[in-house]
N, C-alpha and C. Protein backbone atom coordinates (compact mmCIF):
# COMPACT_ATOMS: atom_id res chain seq x y z
N MET A 1 3.89 3.66 -9.91
CA MET A 1 3.58 2.86 -11.08
C MET A 1 4.12 1.45 -10.82
N VAL A 2 3.27 0.47 -10.98
CA VAL A 2 3.65 -0.93 -10.80
C VAL A 2 3.13 -1.71 -12.00
N ASN A 3 4.04 -2.29 -12.75
CA ASN A 3 3.68 -3.08 -13.93
C ASN A 3 2.72 -2.33 -14.86
N GLY A 4 2.97 -1.04 -15.10
CA GLY A 4 2.18 -0.25 -16.01
C GLY A 4 0.88 0.30 -15.44
N THR A 5 0.62 0.06 -14.18
CA THR A 5 -0.59 0.56 -13.54
C THR A 5 -0.21 1.62 -12.51
N LEU A 6 -0.89 2.76 -12.56
CA LEU A 6 -0.65 3.83 -11.60
C LEU A 6 -1.52 3.61 -10.37
N PHE A 7 -0.92 3.57 -9.20
CA PHE A 7 -1.64 3.46 -7.93
C PHE A 7 -1.51 4.80 -7.21
N PHE A 8 -2.60 5.22 -6.57
CA PHE A 8 -2.58 6.51 -5.88
C PHE A 8 -3.69 6.55 -4.84
N PRO A 9 -3.48 7.33 -3.78
CA PRO A 9 -4.57 7.53 -2.81
C PRO A 9 -5.42 8.71 -3.24
N ILE A 10 -6.71 8.62 -3.00
CA ILE A 10 -7.57 9.78 -3.16
C ILE A 10 -7.86 10.27 -1.76
N VAL A 11 -7.48 11.51 -1.49
CA VAL A 11 -7.63 12.09 -0.17
C VAL A 11 -9.08 12.52 0.01
N SER A 12 -9.66 12.13 1.13
CA SER A 12 -11.06 12.47 1.41
C SER A 12 -11.17 13.93 1.78
N ASP A 13 -11.65 14.73 0.84
CA ASP A 13 -11.88 16.15 1.11
C ASP A 13 -13.26 16.55 0.60
N GLY A 14 -14.17 15.58 0.62
CA GLY A 14 -15.51 15.83 0.10
C GLY A 14 -15.67 15.34 -1.32
N ILE A 15 -14.57 15.07 -2.02
CA ILE A 15 -14.65 14.57 -3.40
C ILE A 15 -15.13 13.12 -3.39
N GLU A 16 -14.64 12.34 -2.46
CA GLU A 16 -14.96 10.92 -2.40
C GLU A 16 -15.50 10.58 -1.00
N PRO A 17 -16.66 11.13 -0.62
CA PRO A 17 -17.16 10.92 0.74
C PRO A 17 -17.69 9.50 0.99
N ILE A 18 -17.94 8.74 -0.06
CA ILE A 18 -18.48 7.38 0.12
C ILE A 18 -17.42 6.45 0.70
N HIS A 19 -16.18 6.61 0.28
CA HIS A 19 -15.13 5.68 0.68
C HIS A 19 -14.08 6.28 1.62
N GLY A 20 -14.01 7.56 1.79
CA GLY A 20 -12.92 8.16 2.55
C GLY A 20 -11.64 8.11 1.73
N SER A 21 -10.50 8.26 2.36
CA SER A 21 -9.21 8.21 1.66
C SER A 21 -8.80 6.76 1.48
N GLU A 22 -8.77 6.30 0.25
CA GLU A 22 -8.46 4.91 -0.05
C GLU A 22 -7.54 4.80 -1.26
N LEU A 23 -7.11 3.57 -1.56
CA LEU A 23 -6.19 3.30 -2.66
C LEU A 23 -6.96 3.07 -3.96
N TRP A 24 -6.54 3.77 -5.00
CA TRP A 24 -7.13 3.66 -6.33
C TRP A 24 -6.04 3.26 -7.33
N LYS A 25 -6.45 2.80 -8.50
CA LYS A 25 -5.50 2.49 -9.56
C LYS A 25 -6.08 2.93 -10.89
N SER A 26 -5.17 3.15 -11.86
CA SER A 26 -5.61 3.60 -13.17
C SER A 26 -4.67 3.08 -14.25
N ASP A 27 -5.27 2.76 -15.39
CA ASP A 27 -4.47 2.41 -16.56
C ASP A 27 -4.36 3.62 -17.49
N GLY A 28 -4.84 4.78 -17.02
CA GLY A 28 -4.76 6.02 -17.79
C GLY A 28 -6.07 6.38 -18.47
N THR A 29 -7.10 5.54 -18.32
CA THR A 29 -8.40 5.83 -18.91
C THR A 29 -9.42 6.03 -17.79
N ALA A 30 -10.52 6.73 -18.10
CA ALA A 30 -11.58 6.92 -17.11
C ALA A 30 -12.18 5.58 -16.70
N ALA A 31 -12.41 4.69 -17.68
CA ALA A 31 -13.01 3.39 -17.38
C ALA A 31 -12.05 2.50 -16.58
N GLY A 32 -10.76 2.73 -16.74
CA GLY A 32 -9.76 1.91 -16.06
C GLY A 32 -9.28 2.50 -14.75
N THR A 33 -9.97 3.52 -14.23
CA THR A 33 -9.63 4.14 -12.95
C THR A 33 -10.66 3.68 -11.92
N VAL A 34 -10.19 2.85 -10.97
CA VAL A 34 -11.12 2.20 -10.03
C VAL A 34 -10.52 2.14 -8.63
N LEU A 35 -11.41 2.01 -7.66
CA LEU A 35 -11.02 1.78 -6.28
C LEU A 35 -10.42 0.38 -6.18
N VAL A 36 -9.23 0.24 -5.58
CA VAL A 36 -8.63 -1.07 -5.39
C VAL A 36 -9.39 -1.83 -4.32
N LYS A 37 -9.56 -1.20 -3.16
CA LYS A 37 -10.29 -1.81 -2.06
C LYS A 37 -10.64 -0.73 -1.04
N ASP A 38 -11.84 -0.83 -0.50
CA ASP A 38 -12.25 0.07 0.57
C ASP A 38 -11.74 -0.55 1.88
N ILE A 39 -10.47 -0.29 2.20
CA ILE A 39 -9.79 -0.94 3.32
C ILE A 39 -10.47 -0.60 4.65
N ALA A 40 -10.83 0.66 4.83
CA ALA A 40 -11.61 1.09 6.00
C ALA A 40 -13.02 1.35 5.48
N PRO A 41 -13.91 0.37 5.58
CA PRO A 41 -15.21 0.45 4.91
C PRO A 41 -16.00 1.71 5.25
N GLY A 42 -16.80 2.12 4.25
CA GLY A 42 -17.65 3.30 4.41
C GLY A 42 -16.85 4.57 4.32
N PRO A 43 -17.32 5.62 5.00
CA PRO A 43 -16.65 6.92 4.89
C PRO A 43 -15.35 7.03 5.69
N ASP A 44 -15.01 6.00 6.49
CA ASP A 44 -13.73 6.02 7.21
C ASP A 44 -12.59 5.94 6.20
N SER A 45 -11.40 6.35 6.61
CA SER A 45 -10.25 6.39 5.71
C SER A 45 -9.12 5.49 6.20
N SER A 46 -8.51 4.76 5.25
CA SER A 46 -7.30 4.01 5.59
C SER A 46 -6.07 4.87 5.34
N GLY A 47 -6.22 5.94 4.56
CA GLY A 47 -5.13 6.88 4.32
C GLY A 47 -3.86 6.24 3.79
N PRO A 48 -3.94 5.47 2.69
CA PRO A 48 -2.72 4.81 2.19
C PRO A 48 -1.63 5.82 1.87
N SER A 49 -0.39 5.47 2.24
CA SER A 49 0.74 6.35 1.97
C SER A 49 2.00 5.50 1.77
N GLU A 50 3.07 6.15 1.40
CA GLU A 50 4.37 5.51 1.18
C GLU A 50 4.26 4.35 0.19
N LEU A 51 3.54 4.57 -0.92
CA LEU A 51 3.39 3.54 -1.95
C LEU A 51 4.77 3.22 -2.53
N THR A 52 5.15 1.94 -2.48
CA THR A 52 6.50 1.53 -2.86
C THR A 52 6.43 0.26 -3.71
N ASP A 53 7.02 0.31 -4.90
CA ASP A 53 7.09 -0.85 -5.80
C ASP A 53 8.39 -1.59 -5.54
N VAL A 54 8.27 -2.88 -5.20
CA VAL A 54 9.44 -3.73 -5.03
C VAL A 54 9.24 -4.96 -5.89
N ASN A 55 10.01 -5.06 -6.95
CA ASN A 55 9.95 -6.21 -7.87
C ASN A 55 8.54 -6.48 -8.38
N GLY A 56 7.78 -5.42 -8.69
CA GLY A 56 6.45 -5.58 -9.26
C GLY A 56 5.34 -5.81 -8.26
N THR A 57 5.64 -5.68 -6.97
CA THR A 57 4.62 -5.80 -5.92
C THR A 57 4.50 -4.46 -5.22
N LEU A 58 3.26 -4.01 -5.01
CA LEU A 58 3.03 -2.74 -4.33
C LEU A 58 2.93 -2.96 -2.83
N TYR A 59 3.71 -2.19 -2.08
CA TYR A 59 3.65 -2.17 -0.62
C TYR A 59 3.24 -0.76 -0.22
N PHE A 60 2.46 -0.64 0.85
CA PHE A 60 2.06 0.68 1.31
C PHE A 60 1.66 0.61 2.77
N GLN A 61 1.58 1.77 3.37
CA GLN A 61 1.20 1.91 4.77
C GLN A 61 -0.23 2.40 4.83
N VAL A 62 -0.99 1.94 5.83
CA VAL A 62 -2.35 2.44 6.06
C VAL A 62 -2.50 2.87 7.51
N PHE A 63 -3.51 3.67 7.75
CA PHE A 63 -3.81 4.13 9.09
C PHE A 63 -4.58 3.04 9.82
N ASP A 64 -4.13 2.69 11.01
CA ASP A 64 -4.80 1.70 11.85
C ASP A 64 -5.49 2.45 12.98
N PRO A 65 -6.85 2.45 13.00
CA PRO A 65 -7.53 3.24 14.02
C PRO A 65 -7.22 2.81 15.45
N SER A 66 -6.77 1.58 15.65
CA SER A 66 -6.46 1.14 17.02
C SER A 66 -5.10 1.65 17.49
N GLY A 67 -4.20 1.94 16.56
CA GLY A 67 -2.88 2.38 16.98
C GLY A 67 -2.31 3.51 16.16
N GLY A 68 -3.06 3.98 15.16
CA GLY A 68 -2.58 5.06 14.31
C GLY A 68 -1.44 4.60 13.42
N ARG A 69 -0.71 5.54 12.87
CA ARG A 69 0.41 5.20 11.99
C ARG A 69 1.62 4.69 12.77
N ASP A 70 1.72 5.04 14.04
CA ASP A 70 2.90 4.64 14.80
C ASP A 70 2.97 3.14 15.06
N SER A 71 1.83 2.43 14.97
CA SER A 71 1.85 1.01 15.31
C SER A 71 2.32 0.13 14.16
N GLY A 72 2.24 0.59 12.94
CA GLY A 72 2.57 -0.25 11.79
C GLY A 72 3.90 0.11 11.16
N PRO A 73 4.23 -0.58 10.05
CA PRO A 73 5.46 -0.27 9.33
C PRO A 73 5.47 1.17 8.82
N ARG A 74 6.65 1.79 8.87
CA ARG A 74 6.83 3.16 8.39
C ARG A 74 8.12 3.24 7.61
N GLU A 75 8.27 4.35 6.91
CA GLU A 75 9.51 4.65 6.19
C GLU A 75 9.87 3.55 5.20
N LEU A 76 8.91 3.15 4.37
CA LEU A 76 9.13 2.10 3.38
C LEU A 76 10.13 2.57 2.34
N THR A 77 11.16 1.78 2.11
CA THR A 77 12.22 2.12 1.16
C THR A 77 12.64 0.87 0.41
N ARG A 78 12.76 1.00 -0.91
CA ARG A 78 13.22 -0.11 -1.75
C ARG A 78 14.72 0.05 -2.01
N ALA A 79 15.46 -1.04 -1.86
CA ALA A 79 16.89 -1.03 -2.18
C ALA A 79 17.33 -2.45 -2.49
N GLY A 80 17.92 -2.64 -3.65
CA GLY A 80 18.47 -3.94 -4.01
C GLY A 80 17.45 -5.07 -4.00
N GLY A 81 16.22 -4.81 -4.45
CA GLY A 81 15.20 -5.85 -4.47
C GLY A 81 14.63 -6.21 -3.12
N ARG A 82 14.90 -5.37 -2.14
CA ARG A 82 14.39 -5.60 -0.79
C ARG A 82 13.58 -4.41 -0.33
N LEU A 83 12.68 -4.66 0.62
CA LEU A 83 11.89 -3.61 1.23
C LEU A 83 12.41 -3.39 2.64
N PHE A 84 12.88 -2.18 2.90
CA PHE A 84 13.33 -1.80 4.24
C PHE A 84 12.25 -0.95 4.86
N PHE A 85 12.00 -1.13 6.15
CA PHE A 85 11.00 -0.34 6.85
C PHE A 85 11.28 -0.38 8.33
N THR A 86 10.67 0.54 9.05
CA THR A 86 10.75 0.49 10.50
C THR A 86 9.41 0.00 11.02
N ALA A 87 9.45 -0.75 12.12
CA ALA A 87 8.23 -1.25 12.75
C ALA A 87 8.40 -1.22 14.26
N PHE A 88 7.29 -1.09 14.94
CA PHE A 88 7.31 -0.96 16.39
C PHE A 88 6.99 -2.29 17.06
N GLU A 89 7.83 -2.66 18.02
CA GLU A 89 7.60 -3.81 18.89
C GLU A 89 7.57 -3.27 20.31
N PRO A 90 6.54 -3.62 21.09
CA PRO A 90 6.45 -3.08 22.45
C PRO A 90 7.69 -3.34 23.32
N ARG A 91 8.33 -4.51 23.15
CA ARG A 91 9.50 -4.82 23.98
C ARG A 91 10.75 -4.04 23.60
N THR A 92 10.89 -3.74 22.30
CA THR A 92 12.16 -3.17 21.83
C THR A 92 12.03 -1.78 21.22
N GLY A 93 10.79 -1.32 20.98
CA GLY A 93 10.60 -0.01 20.35
C GLY A 93 10.64 -0.12 18.84
N ARG A 94 10.88 0.99 18.17
CA ARG A 94 10.91 1.02 16.70
C ARG A 94 12.28 0.57 16.22
N GLU A 95 12.26 -0.41 15.29
CA GLU A 95 13.50 -0.97 14.76
C GLU A 95 13.44 -1.08 13.25
N LEU A 96 14.60 -1.22 12.63
CA LEU A 96 14.71 -1.42 11.20
C LEU A 96 14.46 -2.88 10.86
N TRP A 97 13.63 -3.12 9.85
CA TRP A 97 13.34 -4.46 9.37
C TRP A 97 13.62 -4.51 7.88
N VAL A 98 13.81 -5.72 7.35
CA VAL A 98 14.00 -5.90 5.92
C VAL A 98 13.16 -7.09 5.47
N HIS A 99 12.55 -6.93 4.30
CA HIS A 99 11.75 -8.00 3.70
C HIS A 99 12.31 -8.26 2.31
N ARG A 100 12.73 -9.46 2.06
CA ARG A 100 13.22 -9.81 0.73
C ARG A 100 12.02 -10.15 -0.12
N ALA A 101 11.62 -9.22 -0.97
CA ALA A 101 10.44 -9.39 -1.81
C ALA A 101 10.77 -10.34 -2.95
N VAL A 102 10.08 -11.44 -2.99
CA VAL A 102 10.28 -12.43 -4.04
C VAL A 102 9.02 -12.49 -4.87
N ARG A 103 9.16 -12.26 -6.14
CA ARG A 103 8.00 -12.30 -7.03
C ARG A 103 7.59 -13.74 -7.25
N GLN A 104 6.31 -14.02 -7.03
CA GLN A 104 5.78 -15.36 -7.21
C GLN A 104 5.60 -15.64 -8.70
N ARG A 105 6.06 -16.81 -9.12
CA ARG A 105 5.85 -17.20 -10.52
C ARG A 105 4.59 -18.04 -10.60
N ARG A 106 3.79 -17.73 -11.60
CA ARG A 106 2.57 -18.50 -11.81
C ARG A 106 2.88 -19.67 -12.73
N PRO A 107 2.34 -20.86 -12.41
CA PRO A 107 2.58 -22.00 -13.30
C PRO A 107 1.95 -21.74 -14.68
N ARG A 108 2.62 -22.19 -15.69
CA ARG A 108 2.11 -22.04 -17.05
C ARG A 108 1.06 -23.13 -17.31
N PRO A 109 0.00 -22.76 -18.04
CA PRO A 109 -1.01 -23.78 -18.35
C PRO A 109 -0.39 -24.95 -19.12
N GLY A 110 -0.73 -26.14 -18.71
CA GLY A 110 -0.25 -27.34 -19.39
C GLY A 110 1.20 -27.68 -19.12
N GLY A 111 1.82 -27.04 -18.13
CA GLY A 111 3.20 -27.41 -17.92
C GLY A 111 3.76 -26.84 -16.72
């Protein structure tokens, strides 16, 4: 749940063959339940996982067909307003990284 919106993956098991496994969101109503984005277009799947809310921003992992899950960030964890994760670098292997998630403020109209 991020800012009152539920985010979830729909696993492709024949229920959603048009999009594959992708990220959806819902405000709790049928009309408000929609696909966020078809990250892997068509019936391919991005397989979103490890959905993590950090200061009102959703972070998640997707499947990369060129390198699988091992090539991207893994083990997403929120602590103290920061996002901790592991990522792979060819020179050094898998290491712990931290991202200080800062919520962007939108300018107010007229001021």
